[in-house]
């Protein structure tokens, strides 16, 4: 049994890389998993695709499934493995297919 809960994220959410807005959405999803901090997932079409470069680093998570990481271009350079997407989600995380999440220690994700 998975301990994943997914909700619509209320309000408008943005993601910034070194101050530059790379995405904004009113259709984001919030993932709550065990005692981890919540994670905001953005619809892929709400993120500037020009700033994303696929990484060789795989994403493997027992609860969420498999996916890929992305490097994010910013005004100050490339931020390695700052974003990720589930390409083969588990049944519990299937709703997150086609969405992107970001490492909050590398970029800024906030409700605006």
PDB file of N, CA and C in Angstrom:
ATOM      1  N   UNK A   1       0.838  -1.188   0.000  1.00  0.00           N
ATOM      2  CA  UNK A   1       0.000   0.000   0.000  1.00  0.00           C
ATOM      3  C   UNK A   1       0.881   1.248   0.000  1.00  0.00           C
ATOM      4  N   UNK A   2       0.508   2.191  -0.816  1.00  0.00           N
ATOM      5  CA  UNK A   2       1.280   3.423  -0.941  1.00  0.00           C
ATOM      6  C   UNK A   2       0.773   4.471   0.042  1.00  0.00           C
ATOM      7  N   UNK A   3       1.670   5.291   0.484  1.00  0.00           N
ATOM      8  CA  UNK A   3       1.299   6.384   1.385  1.00  0.00           C
ATOM      9  C   UNK A   3       1.417   7.706   0.644  1.00  0.00           C
ATOM     10  N   UNK A   4       0.837   7.754  -0.552  1.00  0.00           N
ATOM     11  CA  UNK A   4       0.878   8.947  -1.396  1.00  0.00           C
ATOM     12  C   UNK A   4      -0.521   9.551  -1.460  1.00  0.00           C
ATOM     13  N   UNK A   5      -0.576  10.861  -1.271  1.00  0.00           N
ATOM     14  CA  UNK A   5      -1.839  11.587  -1.452  1.00  0.00           C
ATOM     15  C   UNK A   5      -1.563  12.749  -2.393  1.00  0.00           C
ATOM     16  N   UNK A   6      -2.462  12.937  -3.359  1.00  0.00           N
ATOM     17  CA  UNK A   6      -2.308  13.998  -4.363  1.00  0.00           C
ATOM     18  C   UNK A   6      -3.557  14.857  -4.336  1.00  0.00           C
ATOM     19  N   UNK A   7      -3.346  16.180  -4.246  1.00  0.00           N
ATOM     20  CA  UNK A   7      -4.442  17.139  -4.177  1.00  0.00           C
ATOM     21  C   UNK A   7      -4.206  18.253  -5.185  1.00  0.00           C
ATOM     22  N   UNK A   8      -5.271  18.933  -5.619  1.00  0.00           N
ATOM     23  CA  UNK A   8      -5.053  20.172  -6.381  1.00  0.00           C
ATOM     24  C   UNK A   8      -4.363  21.184  -5.456  1.00  0.00           C
ATOM     25  N   UNK A   9      -3.323  21.830  -5.940  1.00  0.00           N
ATOM     26  CA  UNK A   9      -2.623  22.852  -5.147  1.00  0.00           C
ATOM     27  C   UNK A   9      -3.400  24.158  -5.304  1.00  0.00           C
ATOM     28  N   UNK A  10      -3.909  24.665  -4.223  1.00  0.00           N
ATOM     29  CA  UNK A  10      -4.742  25.863  -4.284  1.00  0.00           C
ATOM     30  C   UNK A  10      -3.923  27.086  -4.644  1.00  0.00           C
ATOM     31  N   UNK A  11      -4.515  27.957  -5.452  1.00  0.00           N
ATOM     32  CA  UNK A  11      -3.876  29.213  -5.814  1.00  0.00           C
ATOM     33  C   UNK A  11      -2.975  29.089  -7.028  1.00  0.00           C
ATOM     34  N   UNK A  12      -2.131  30.093  -7.184  1.00  0.00           N
ATOM     35  CA  UNK A  12      -1.184  30.152  -8.296  1.00  0.00           C
ATOM     36  C   UNK A  12       0.211  29.875  -7.754  1.00  0.00           C
ATOM     37  N   UNK A  13       0.923  28.973  -8.424  1.00  0.00           N
ATOM     38  CA  UNK A  13       2.273  28.585  -8.006  1.00  0.00           C
ATOM     39  C   UNK A  13       3.273  28.979  -9.077  1.00  0.00           C
ATOM     40  N   UNK A  14       4.468  29.351  -8.656  1.00  0.00           N
ATOM     41  CA  UNK A  14       5.520  29.688  -9.615  1.00  0.00           C
ATOM     42  C   UNK A  14       6.803  28.956  -9.239  1.00  0.00           C
ATOM     43  N   UNK A  15       7.658  28.825 -10.245  1.00  0.00           N
ATOM     44  CA  UNK A  15       8.990  28.277 -10.014  1.00  0.00           C
ATOM     45  C   UNK A  15       9.982  29.235 -10.656  1.00  0.00           C
ATOM     46  N   UNK A  16      11.025  29.596  -9.892  1.00  0.00           N
ATOM     47  CA  UNK A  16      12.052  30.522 -10.352  1.00  0.00           C
ATOM     48  C   UNK A  16      13.421  29.867 -10.237  1.00  0.00           C
ATOM     49  N   UNK A  17      14.239  30.099 -11.242  1.00  0.00           N
ATOM     50  CA  UNK A  17      15.620  29.621 -11.239  1.00  0.00           C
ATOM     51  C   UNK A  17      16.525  30.844 -11.191  1.00  0.00           C
ATOM     52  N   UNK A  18      17.201  31.029 -10.080  1.00  0.00           N
ATOM     53  CA  UNK A  18      18.049  32.218  -9.876  1.00  0.00           C
ATOM     54  C   UNK A  18      17.304  33.503 -10.194  1.00  0.00           C
ATOM     55  N   UNK A  19      16.059  33.584  -9.750  1.00  0.00           N
ATOM     56  CA  UNK A  19      15.259  34.801  -9.899  1.00  0.00           C
ATOM     57  C   UNK A  19      14.417  34.868 -11.157  1.00  0.00           C
ATOM     58  N   UNK A  20      14.736  34.075 -12.180  1.00  0.00           N
ATOM     59  CA  UNK A  20      13.978  34.096 -13.440  1.00  0.00           C
ATOM     60  C   UNK A  20      12.800  33.126 -13.353  1.00  0.00           C
ATOM     61  N   UNK A  21      11.600  33.633 -13.622  1.00  0.00           N
ATOM     62  CA  UNK A  21      10.413  32.775 -13.606  1.00  0.00           C
ATOM     63  C   UNK A  21      10.475  31.833 -14.802  1.00  0.00           C
ATOM     64  N   UNK A  22      10.424  30.527 -14.514  1.00  0.00           N
ATOM     65  CA  UNK A  22      10.433  29.542 -15.602  1.00  0.00           C
ATOM     66  C   UNK A  22       9.091  28.834 -15.733  1.00  0.00           C
ATOM     67  N   UNK A  23       8.188  29.108 -14.815  1.00  0.00           N
ATOM     68  CA  UNK A  23       6.862  28.521 -14.900  1.00  0.00           C
ATOM     69  C   UNK A  23       5.920  29.094 -13.872  1.00  0.00           C
ATOM     70  N   UNK A  24       4.635  29.033 -14.216  1.00  0.00           N
ATOM     71  CA  UNK A  24       3.581  29.512 -13.325  1.00  0.00           C
ATOM     72  C   UNK A  24       2.321  28.733 -13.657  1.00  0.00           C
ATOM     73  N   UNK A  25       1.573  28.340 -12.641  1.00  0.00           N
ATOM     74  CA  UNK A  25       0.397  27.518 -12.897  1.00  0.00           C
ATOM     75  C   UNK A  25      -0.683  27.704 -11.847  1.00  0.00           C
ATOM     76  N   UNK A  26      -1.921  27.621 -12.301  1.00  0.00           N
ATOM     77  CA  UNK A  26      -3.074  27.547 -11.408  1.00  0.00           C
ATOM     78  C   UNK A  26      -3.604  26.108 -11.393  1.00  0.00           C
ATOM     79  N   UNK A  27      -2.890  25.204 -12.077  1.00  0.00           N
ATOM     80  CA  UNK A  27      -3.326  23.807 -12.211  1.00  0.00           C
ATOM     81  C   UNK A  27      -2.334  22.832 -11.589  1.00  0.00           C
ATOM     82  N   UNK A  28      -1.518  23.328 -10.674  1.00  0.00           N
ATOM     83  CA  UNK A  28      -0.497  22.483 -10.049  1.00  0.00           C
ATOM     84  C   UNK A  28      -1.149  21.454  -9.113  1.00  0.00           C
ATOM     85  N   UNK A  29      -0.410  20.391  -8.862  1.00  0.00           N
ATOM     86  CA  UNK A  29      -0.833  19.359  -7.919  1.00  0.00           C
ATOM     87  C   UNK A  29       0.129  19.320  -6.744  1.00  0.00           C
ATOM     88  N   UNK A  30      -0.399  18.978  -5.576  1.00  0.00           N
ATOM     89  CA  UNK A  30       0.411  18.866  -4.361  1.00  0.00           C
ATOM     90  C   UNK A  30       0.512  17.395  -3.977  1.00  0.00           C
ATOM     91  N   UNK A  31       1.740  16.919  -3.835  1.00  0.00           N
ATOM     92  CA  UNK A  31       1.988  15.545  -3.404  1.00  0.00           C
ATOM     93  C   UNK A  31       2.366  15.563  -1.929  1.00  0.00           C
ATOM     94  N   UNK A  32       1.668  14.775  -1.146  1.00  0.00           N
ATOM     95  CA  UNK A  32       1.989  14.593   0.266  1.00  0.00           C
ATOM     96  C   UNK A  32       2.345  13.124   0.435  1.00  0.00           C
ATOM     97  N   UNK A  33       3.527  12.879   0.990  1.00  0.00           N
ATOM     98  CA  UNK A  33       4.028  11.510   1.118  1.00  0.00           C
ATOM     99  C   UNK A  33       4.670  11.331   2.480  1.00  0.00           C
ATOM    100  N   UNK A  34       4.099  10.459   3.274  1.00  0.00           N
ATOM    101  CA  UNK A  34       4.583  10.168   4.622  1.00  0.00           C
ATOM    102  C   UNK A  34       4.895  11.468   5.377  1.00  0.00           C
ATOM    103  N   UNK A  35       6.075  11.542   5.986  1.00  0.00           N
ATOM    104  CA  UNK A  35       6.422  12.740   6.753  1.00  0.00           C
ATOM    105  C   UNK A  35       7.374  13.660   5.987  1.00  0.00           C
ATOM    106  N   UNK A  36       7.455  13.470   4.654  1.00  0.00           N
ATOM    107  CA  UNK A  36       8.286  14.346   3.819  1.00  0.00           C
ATOM    108  C   UNK A  36       7.582  15.683   3.601  1.00  0.00           C
ATOM    109  N   UNK A  37       8.343  16.748   3.314  1.00  0.00           N
ATOM    110  CA  UNK A  37       7.698  18.014   2.938  1.00  0.00           C
ATOM    111  C   UNK A  37       6.881  17.805   1.658  1.00  0.00           C
ATOM    112  N   UNK A  38       5.785  18.541   1.533  1.00  0.00           N
ATOM    113  CA  UNK A  38       4.960  18.420   0.328  1.00  0.00           C
ATOM    114  C   UNK A  38       5.747  18.870  -0.898  1.00  0.00           C
ATOM    115  N   UNK A  39       5.364  18.362  -2.059  1.00  0.00           N
ATOM    116  CA  UNK A  39       6.018  18.705  -3.320  1.00  0.00           C
ATOM    117  C   UNK A  39       4.951  19.192  -4.291  1.00  0.00           C
ATOM    118  N   UNK A  40       5.238  20.294  -4.982  1.00  0.00           N
ATOM    119  CA  UNK A  40       4.327  20.833  -5.982  1.00  0.00           C
ATOM    120  C   UNK A  40       4.746  20.322  -7.357  1.00  0.00           C
ATOM    121  N   UNK A  41       3.798  19.781  -8.089  1.00  0.00           N
ATOM    122  CA  UNK A  41       4.012  19.296  -9.456  1.00  0.00           C
ATOM    123  C   UNK A  41       3.285  20.232 -10.413  1.00  0.00           C
ATOM    124  N   UNK A  42       4.003  20.692 -11.429  1.00  0.00           N
ATOM    125  CA  UNK A  42       3.478  21.627 -12.418  1.00  0.00           C
ATOM    126  C   UNK A  42       3.129  20.897 -13.709  1.00  0.00           C
ATOM    127  N   UNK A  43       1.997  21.236 -14.346  1.00  0.00           N
ATOM    128  CA  UNK A  43       1.752  20.680 -15.673  1.00  0.00           C
ATOM    129  C   UNK A  43       2.915  21.048 -16.584  1.00  0.00           C
ATOM    130  N   UNK A  44       3.383  20.097 -17.350  1.00  0.00           N
ATOM    131  CA  UNK A  44       4.570  20.318 -18.180  1.00  0.00           C
ATOM    132  C   UNK A  44       4.413  21.520 -19.111  1.00  0.00           C
ATOM    133  N   UNK A  45       3.214  21.724 -19.628  1.00  0.00           N
ATOM    134  CA  UNK A  45       2.993  22.846 -20.561  1.00  0.00           C
ATOM    135  C   UNK A  45       3.045  24.211 -19.870  1.00  0.00           C
ATOM    136  N   UNK A  46       3.052  24.237 -18.547  1.00  0.00           N
ATOM    137  CA  UNK A  46       3.149  25.500 -17.812  1.00  0.00           C
ATOM    138  C   UNK A  46       4.589  25.869 -17.465  1.00  0.00           C
ATOM    139  N   UNK A  47       5.541  25.059 -17.890  1.00  0.00           N
ATOM    140  CA  UNK A  47       6.965  25.314 -17.647  1.00  0.00           C
ATOM    141  C   UNK A  47       7.641  25.614 -18.982  1.00  0.00           C
ATOM    142  N   UNK A  48       8.513  26.618 -19.000  1.00  0.00           N
ATOM    143  CA  UNK A  48       9.230  26.986 -20.228  1.00  0.00           C
ATOM    144  C   UNK A  48      10.149  25.832 -20.635  1.00  0.00           C
ATOM    145  N   UNK A  49       9.779  25.126 -21.692  1.00  0.00           N
ATOM    146  CA  UNK A  49      10.549  23.940 -22.093  1.00  0.00           C
ATOM    147  C   UNK A  49      11.962  24.289 -22.551  1.00  0.00           C
ATOM    148  N   UNK A  50      12.186  25.519 -22.991  1.00  0.00           N
ATOM    149  CA  UNK A  50      13.510  25.917 -23.470  1.00  0.00           C
ATOM    150  C   UNK A  50      14.560  25.895 -22.360  1.00  0.00           C
ATOM    151  N   UNK A  51      14.136  25.945 -21.096  1.00  0.00           N
ATOM    152  CA  UNK A  51      15.102  25.969 -19.992  1.00  0.00           C
ATOM    153  C   UNK A  51      15.419  24.573 -19.461  1.00  0.00           C
ATOM    154  N   UNK A  52      14.767  23.548 -20.000  1.00  0.00           N
ATOM    155  CA  UNK A  52      14.951  22.183 -19.506  1.00  0.00           C
ATOM    156  C   UNK A  52      15.847  21.372 -20.437  1.00  0.00           C
ATOM    157  N   UNK A  53      16.807  20.687 -19.856  1.00  0.00           N
ATOM    158  CA  UNK A  53      17.681  19.795 -20.619  1.00  0.00           C
ATOM    159  C   UNK A  53      17.706  18.448 -19.901  1.00  0.00           C
ATOM    160  N   UNK A  54      17.328  17.358 -20.586  1.00  0.00           N
ATOM    161  CA  UNK A  54      17.325  16.055 -19.926  1.00  0.00           C
ATOM    162  C   UNK A  54      18.689  15.708 -19.343  1.00  0.00           C
ATOM    163  N   UNK A  55      18.679  15.096 -18.181  1.00  0.00           N
ATOM    164  CA  UNK A  55      19.879  14.654 -17.485  1.00  0.00           C
ATOM    165  C   UNK A  55      20.056  13.152 -17.703  1.00  0.00           C
ATOM    166  N   UNK A  56      21.256  12.658 -17.512  1.00  0.00           N
ATOM    167  CA  UNK A  56      21.501  11.215 -17.574  1.00  0.00           C
ATOM    168  C   UNK A  56      21.110  10.525 -16.268  1.00  0.00           C
ATOM    169  N   UNK A  57      20.827  11.299 -15.242  1.00  0.00           N
ATOM    170  CA  UNK A  57      20.499  10.735 -13.928  1.00  0.00           C
ATOM    171  C   UNK A  57      19.067  10.184 -13.936  1.00  0.00           C
ATOM    172  N   UNK A  58      18.896   8.906 -13.637  1.00  0.00           N
ATOM    173  CA  UNK A  58      17.545   8.352 -13.583  1.00  0.00           C
ATOM    174  C   UNK A  58      16.866   8.670 -12.247  1.00  0.00           C
ATOM    175  N   UNK A  59      15.563   8.697 -12.269  1.00  0.00           N
ATOM    176  CA  UNK A  59      14.763   8.845 -11.049  1.00  0.00           C
ATOM    177  C   UNK A  59      14.115   7.488 -10.786  1.00  0.00           C
ATOM    178  N   UNK A  60      14.394   6.928  -9.625  1.00  0.00           N
ATOM    179  CA  UNK A  60      13.803   5.641  -9.255  1.00  0.00           C
ATOM    180  C   UNK A  60      13.281   5.777  -7.831  1.00  0.00           C
ATOM    181  N   UNK A  61      11.971   5.604  -7.681  1.00  0.00           N
ATOM    182  CA  UNK A  61      11.337   5.754  -6.378  1.00  0.00           C
ATOM    183  C   UNK A  61      10.329   4.618  -6.197  1.00  0.00           C
ATOM    184  N   UNK A  62      10.437   3.886  -5.119  1.00  0.00           N
ATOM    185  CA  UNK A  62       9.531   2.766  -4.874  1.00  0.00           C
ATOM    186  C   UNK A  62       8.066   3.206  -4.859  1.00  0.00           C
ATOM    187  N   UNK A  63       7.787   4.357  -4.273  1.00  0.00           N
ATOM    188  CA  UNK A  63       6.405   4.816  -4.125  1.00  0.00           C
ATOM    189  C   UNK A  63       5.846   5.533  -5.352  1.00  0.00           C
ATOM    190  N   UNK A  64       6.698   6.280  -6.058  1.00  0.00           N
ATOM    191  CA  UNK A  64       6.210   7.109  -7.179  1.00  0.00           C
ATOM    192  C   UNK A  64       6.502   6.522  -8.548  1.00  0.00           C
ATOM    193  N   UNK A  65       7.513   5.704  -8.679  1.00  0.00           N
ATOM    194  CA  UNK A  65       7.832   5.100  -9.967  1.00  0.00           C
ATOM    195  C   UNK A  65       9.161   5.565 -10.512  1.00  0.00           C
ATOM    196  N   UNK A  66       9.292   5.500 -11.835  1.00  0.00           N
ATOM    197  CA  UNK A  66      10.542   5.861 -12.500  1.00  0.00           C
ATOM    198  C   UNK A  66      10.344   7.113 -13.341  1.00  0.00           C
ATOM    199  N   UNK A  67      11.450   7.830 -13.537  1.00  0.00           N
ATOM    200  CA  UNK A  67      11.368   9.040 -14.326  1.00  0.00           C
ATOM    201  C   UNK A  67      12.739   9.555 -14.705  1.00  0.00           C
ATOM    202  N   UNK A  68      12.765  10.824 -15.058  1.00  0.00           N
ATOM    203  CA  UNK A  68      13.994  11.469 -15.502  1.00  0.00           C
ATOM    204  C   UNK A  68      14.183  12.790 -14.771  1.00  0.00           C
ATOM    205  N   UNK A  69      15.449  13.154 -14.629  1.00  0.00           N
ATOM    206  CA  UNK A  69      15.797  14.465 -14.087  1.00  0.00           C
ATOM    207  C   UNK A  69      16.076  15.418 -15.239  1.00  0.00           C
ATOM    208  N   UNK A  70      16.003  16.714 -14.945  1.00  0.00           N
ATOM    209  CA  UNK A  70      16.310  17.756 -15.918  1.00  0.00           C
ATOM    210  C   UNK A  70      17.244  18.776 -15.293  1.00  0.00           C
ATOM    211  N   UNK A  71      18.209  19.233 -16.093  1.00  0.00           N
ATOM    212  CA  UNK A  71      18.999  20.404 -15.722  1.00  0.00           C
ATOM    213  C   UNK A  71      18.152  21.614 -16.109  1.00  0.00           C
ATOM    214  N   UNK A  72      18.283  22.701 -15.349  1.00  0.00           N
ATOM    215  CA  UNK A  72      17.510  23.918 -15.607  1.00  0.00           C
ATOM    216  C   UNK A  72      18.468  25.059 -15.920  1.00  0.00           C
ATOM    217  N   UNK A  73      18.260  25.686 -17.066  1.00  0.00           N
ATOM    218  CA  UNK A  73      19.066  26.859 -17.433  1.00  0.00           C
ATOM    219  C   UNK A  73      18.523  28.078 -16.704  1.00  0.00           C
ATOM    220  N   UNK A  74      19.431  28.905 -16.214  1.00  0.00           N
ATOM    221  CA  UNK A  74      19.045  30.131 -15.522  1.00  0.00           C
ATOM    222  C   UNK A  74      19.974  31.245 -15.968  1.00  0.00           C
ATOM    223  N   UNK A  75      19.656  32.494 -15.619  1.00  0.00           N
ATOM    224  CA  UNK A  75      20.532  33.599 -16.005  1.00  0.00           C
ATOM    225  C   UNK A  75      21.964  33.448 -15.493  1.00  0.00           C
ATOM    226  N   UNK A  76      22.141  32.687 -14.419  1.00  0.00           N
ATOM    227  CA  UNK A  76      23.468  32.527 -13.824  1.00  0.00           C
ATOM    228  C   UNK A  76      24.121  31.202 -14.172  1.00  0.00           C
ATOM    229  N   UNK A  77      23.519  30.447 -15.088  1.00  0.00           N
ATOM    230  CA  UNK A  77      24.100  29.171 -15.492  1.00  0.00           C
ATOM    231  C   UNK A  77      23.140  28.015 -15.319  1.00  0.00           C
ATOM    232  N   UNK A  78      23.636  26.828 -15.586  1.00  0.00           N
ATOM    233  CA  UNK A  78      22.812  25.617 -15.516  1.00  0.00           C
ATOM    234  C   UNK A  78      22.765  25.094 -14.081  1.00  0.00           C
ATOM    235  N   UNK A  79      21.569  24.736 -13.633  1.00  0.00           N
ATOM    236  CA  UNK A  79      21.369  24.142 -12.315  1.00  0.00           C
ATOM    237  C   UNK A  79      21.146  22.649 -12.556  1.00  0.00           C
ATOM    238  N   UNK A  80      22.096  21.847 -12.119  1.00  0.00           N
ATOM    239  CA  UNK A  80      22.078  20.412 -12.408  1.00  0.00           C
ATOM    240  C   UNK A  80      20.967  19.681 -11.661  1.00  0.00           C
ATOM    241  N   UNK A  81      20.263  18.816 -12.381  1.00  0.00           N
ATOM    242  CA  UNK A  81      19.244  17.932 -11.802  1.00  0.00           C
ATOM    243  C   UNK A  81      18.256  18.667 -10.897  1.00  0.00           C
ATOM    244  N   UNK A  82      17.792  19.810 -11.355  1.00  0.00           N
ATOM    245  CA  UNK A  82      16.899  20.638 -10.535  1.00  0.00           C
ATOM    246  C   UNK A  82      15.425  20.283 -10.705  1.00  0.00           C
ATOM    247  N   UNK A  83      15.082  19.630 -11.808  1.00  0.00           N
ATOM    248  CA  UNK A  83      13.691  19.250 -12.043  1.00  0.00           C
ATOM    249  C   UNK A  83      13.594  17.770 -12.334  1.00  0.00           C
ATOM    250  N   UNK A  84      12.396  17.237 -12.208  1.00  0.00           N
ATOM    251  CA  UNK A  84      12.190  15.821 -12.525  1.00  0.00           C
ATOM    252  C   UNK A  84      10.749  15.559 -12.916  1.00  0.00           C
ATOM    253  N   UNK A  85      10.578  14.454 -13.635  1.00  0.00           N
ATOM    254  CA  UNK A  85       9.268  14.070 -14.126  1.00  0.00           C
ATOM    255  C   UNK A  85       9.152  12.554 -14.084  1.00  0.00           C
ATOM    256  N   UNK A  86       7.977  12.070 -13.755  1.00  0.00           N
ATOM    257  CA  UNK A  86       7.730  10.630 -13.725  1.00  0.00           C
ATOM    258  C   UNK A  86       7.309  10.170 -15.117  1.00  0.00           C
ATOM    259  N   UNK A  87       8.101   9.312 -15.731  1.00  0.00           N
ATOM    260  CA  UNK A  87       7.757   8.781 -17.049  1.00  0.00           C
ATOM    261  C   UNK A  87       7.047   7.440 -16.945  1.00  0.00           C
ATOM    262  N   UNK A  88       7.252   6.742 -15.837  1.00  0.00           N
ATOM    263  CA  UNK A  88       6.611   5.461 -15.596  1.00  0.00           C
ATOM    264  C   UNK A  88       6.145   5.432 -14.136  1.00  0.00           C
ATOM    265  N   UNK A  89       5.077   6.203 -13.830  1.00  0.00           N
ATOM    266  CA  UNK A  89       4.637   6.290 -12.441  1.00  0.00           C
ATOM    267  C   UNK A  89       3.952   5.018 -11.952  1.00  0.00           C
ATOM    268  N   UNK A  90       3.963   4.834 -10.646  1.00  0.00           N
ATOM    269  CA  UNK A  90       3.198   3.748 -10.042  1.00  0.00           C
ATOM    270  C   UNK A  90       1.718   4.077 -10.181  1.00  0.00           C
ATOM    271  N   UNK A  91       0.877   3.118  -9.889  1.00  0.00           N
ATOM    272  CA  UNK A  91      -0.566   3.348  -9.951  1.00  0.00           C
ATOM    273  C   UNK A  91      -0.973   4.485  -9.009  1.00  0.00           C
ATOM    274  N   UNK A  92      -0.369   4.533  -7.830  1.00  0.00           N
ATOM    275  CA  UNK A  92      -0.691   5.569  -6.842  1.00  0.00           C
ATOM    276  C   UNK A  92      -0.299   6.969  -7.314  1.00  0.00           C
ATOM    277  N   UNK A  93       0.726   7.044  -8.168  1.00  0.00           N
ATOM    278  CA  UNK A  93       1.228   8.345  -8.639  1.00  0.00           C
ATOM    279  C   UNK A  93       0.852   8.628 -10.088  1.00  0.00           C
ATOM    280  N   UNK A  94      -0.014   7.824 -10.676  1.00  0.00           N
ATOM    281  CA  UNK A  94      -0.350   7.952 -12.096  1.00  0.00           C
ATOM    282  C   UNK A  94      -0.831   9.353 -12.478  1.00  0.00           C
ATOM    283  N   UNK A  95      -1.484  10.031 -11.563  1.00  0.00           N
ATOM    284  CA  UNK A  95      -1.995  11.383 -11.813  1.00  0.00           C
ATOM    285  C   UNK A  95      -0.867  12.380 -12.096  1.00  0.00           C
ATOM    286  N   UNK A  96       0.362  12.054 -11.701  1.00  0.00           N
ATOM    287  CA  UNK A  96       1.502  12.959 -11.875  1.00  0.00           C
ATOM    288  C   UNK A  96       2.182  12.818 -13.235  1.00  0.00           C
ATOM    289  N   UNK A  97       1.742  11.877 -14.060  1.00  0.00           N
ATOM    290  CA  UNK A  97       2.316  11.718 -15.405  1.00  0.00           C
ATOM    291  C   UNK A  97       2.053  13.025 -16.181  1.00  0.00           C
ATOM    292  N   UNK A  98       3.086  13.525 -16.859  1.00  0.00           N
ATOM    293  CA  UNK A  98       2.950  14.771 -17.603  1.00  0.00           C
ATOM    294  C   UNK A  98       3.183  16.020 -16.762  1.00  0.00           C
ATOM    295  N   UNK A  99       3.616  15.825 -15.528  1.00  0.00           N
ATOM    296  CA  UNK A  99       3.900  16.949 -14.624  1.00  0.00           C
ATOM    297  C   UNK A  99       5.392  16.989 -14.310  1.00  0.00           C
ATOM    298  N   UNK A 100       5.856  18.155 -13.888  1.00  0.00           N
ATOM    299  CA  UNK A 100       7.245  18.355 -13.478  1.00  0.00           C
ATOM    300  C   UNK A 100       7.285  18.856 -12.040  1.00  0.00           C
ATOM    301  N   UNK A 101       8.239  18.361 -11.292  1.00  0.00           N
ATOM    302  CA  UNK A 101       8.491  18.868  -9.948  1.00  0.00           C
ATOM    303  C   UNK A 101       9.929  19.365  -9.903  1.00  0.00           C
ATOM    304  N   UNK A 102      10.245  20.127  -8.863  1.00  0.00           N
ATOM    305  CA  UNK A 102      11.561  20.748  -8.775  1.00  0.00           C
ATOM    306  C   UNK A 102      12.140  20.578  -7.382  1.00  0.00           C
ATOM    307  N   UNK A 103      13.451  20.503  -7.322  1.00  0.00           N
ATOM    308  CA  UNK A 103      14.181  20.411  -6.065  1.00  0.00           C
ATOM    309  C   UNK A 103      14.180  21.799  -5.423  1.00  0.00           C
ATOM    310  N   UNK A 104      13.433  21.935  -4.338  1.00  0.00           N
ATOM    311  CA  UNK A 104      13.267  23.246  -3.678  1.00  0.00           C
ATOM    312  C   UNK A 104      14.561  23.749  -3.061  1.00  0.00           C
ATOM    313  N   UNK A 105      15.602  22.909  -2.977  1.00  0.00           N
ATOM    314  CA  UNK A 105      16.885  23.392  -2.481  1.00  0.00           C
ATOM    315  C   UNK A 105      17.723  24.012  -3.604  1.00  0.00           C
ATOM    316  N   UNK A 106      17.240  23.859  -4.867  1.00  0.00           N
ATOM    317  CA  UNK A 106      17.995  24.372  -6.018  1.00  0.00           C
ATOM    318  C   UNK A 106      17.283  25.495  -6.750  1.00  0.00           C
ATOM    319  N   UNK A 107      15.951  25.505  -6.696  1.00  0.00           N
ATOM    320  CA  UNK A 107      15.149  26.560  -7.321  1.00  0.00           C
ATOM    321  C   UNK A 107      14.085  26.981  -6.315  1.00  0.00           C
ATOM    322  N   UNK A 108      13.373  28.052  -6.622  1.00  0.00           N
ATOM    323  CA  UNK A 108      12.345  28.557  -5.703  1.00  0.00           C
ATOM    324  C   UNK A 108      10.971  28.175  -6.220  1.00  0.00           C
ATOM    325  N   UNK A 109      10.227  27.432  -5.419  1.00  0.00           N
ATOM    326  CA  UNK A 109       8.851  27.069  -5.721  1.00  0.00           C
ATOM    327  C   UNK A 109       7.999  27.743  -4.658  1.00  0.00           C
ATOM    328  N   UNK A 110       7.039  28.577  -5.114  1.00  0.00           N
ATOM    329  CA  UNK A 110       6.227  29.302  -4.127  1.00  0.00           C
ATOM    330  C   UNK A 110       4.842  29.607  -4.653  1.00  0.00           C
ATOM    331  N   UNK A 111       3.937  29.747  -3.699  1.00  0.00           N
ATOM    332  CA  UNK A 111       2.581  30.189  -4.011  1.00  0.00           C
ATOM    333  C   UNK A 111       2.602  31.702  -4.105  1.00  0.00           C
ATOM    334  N   UNK A 112       2.026  32.236  -5.165  1.00  0.00           N
ATOM    335  CA  UNK A 112       2.044  33.696  -5.347  1.00  0.00           C
ATOM    336  C   UNK A 112       0.649  34.274  -5.296  1.00  0.00           C
TER     337      UNK A 112
END
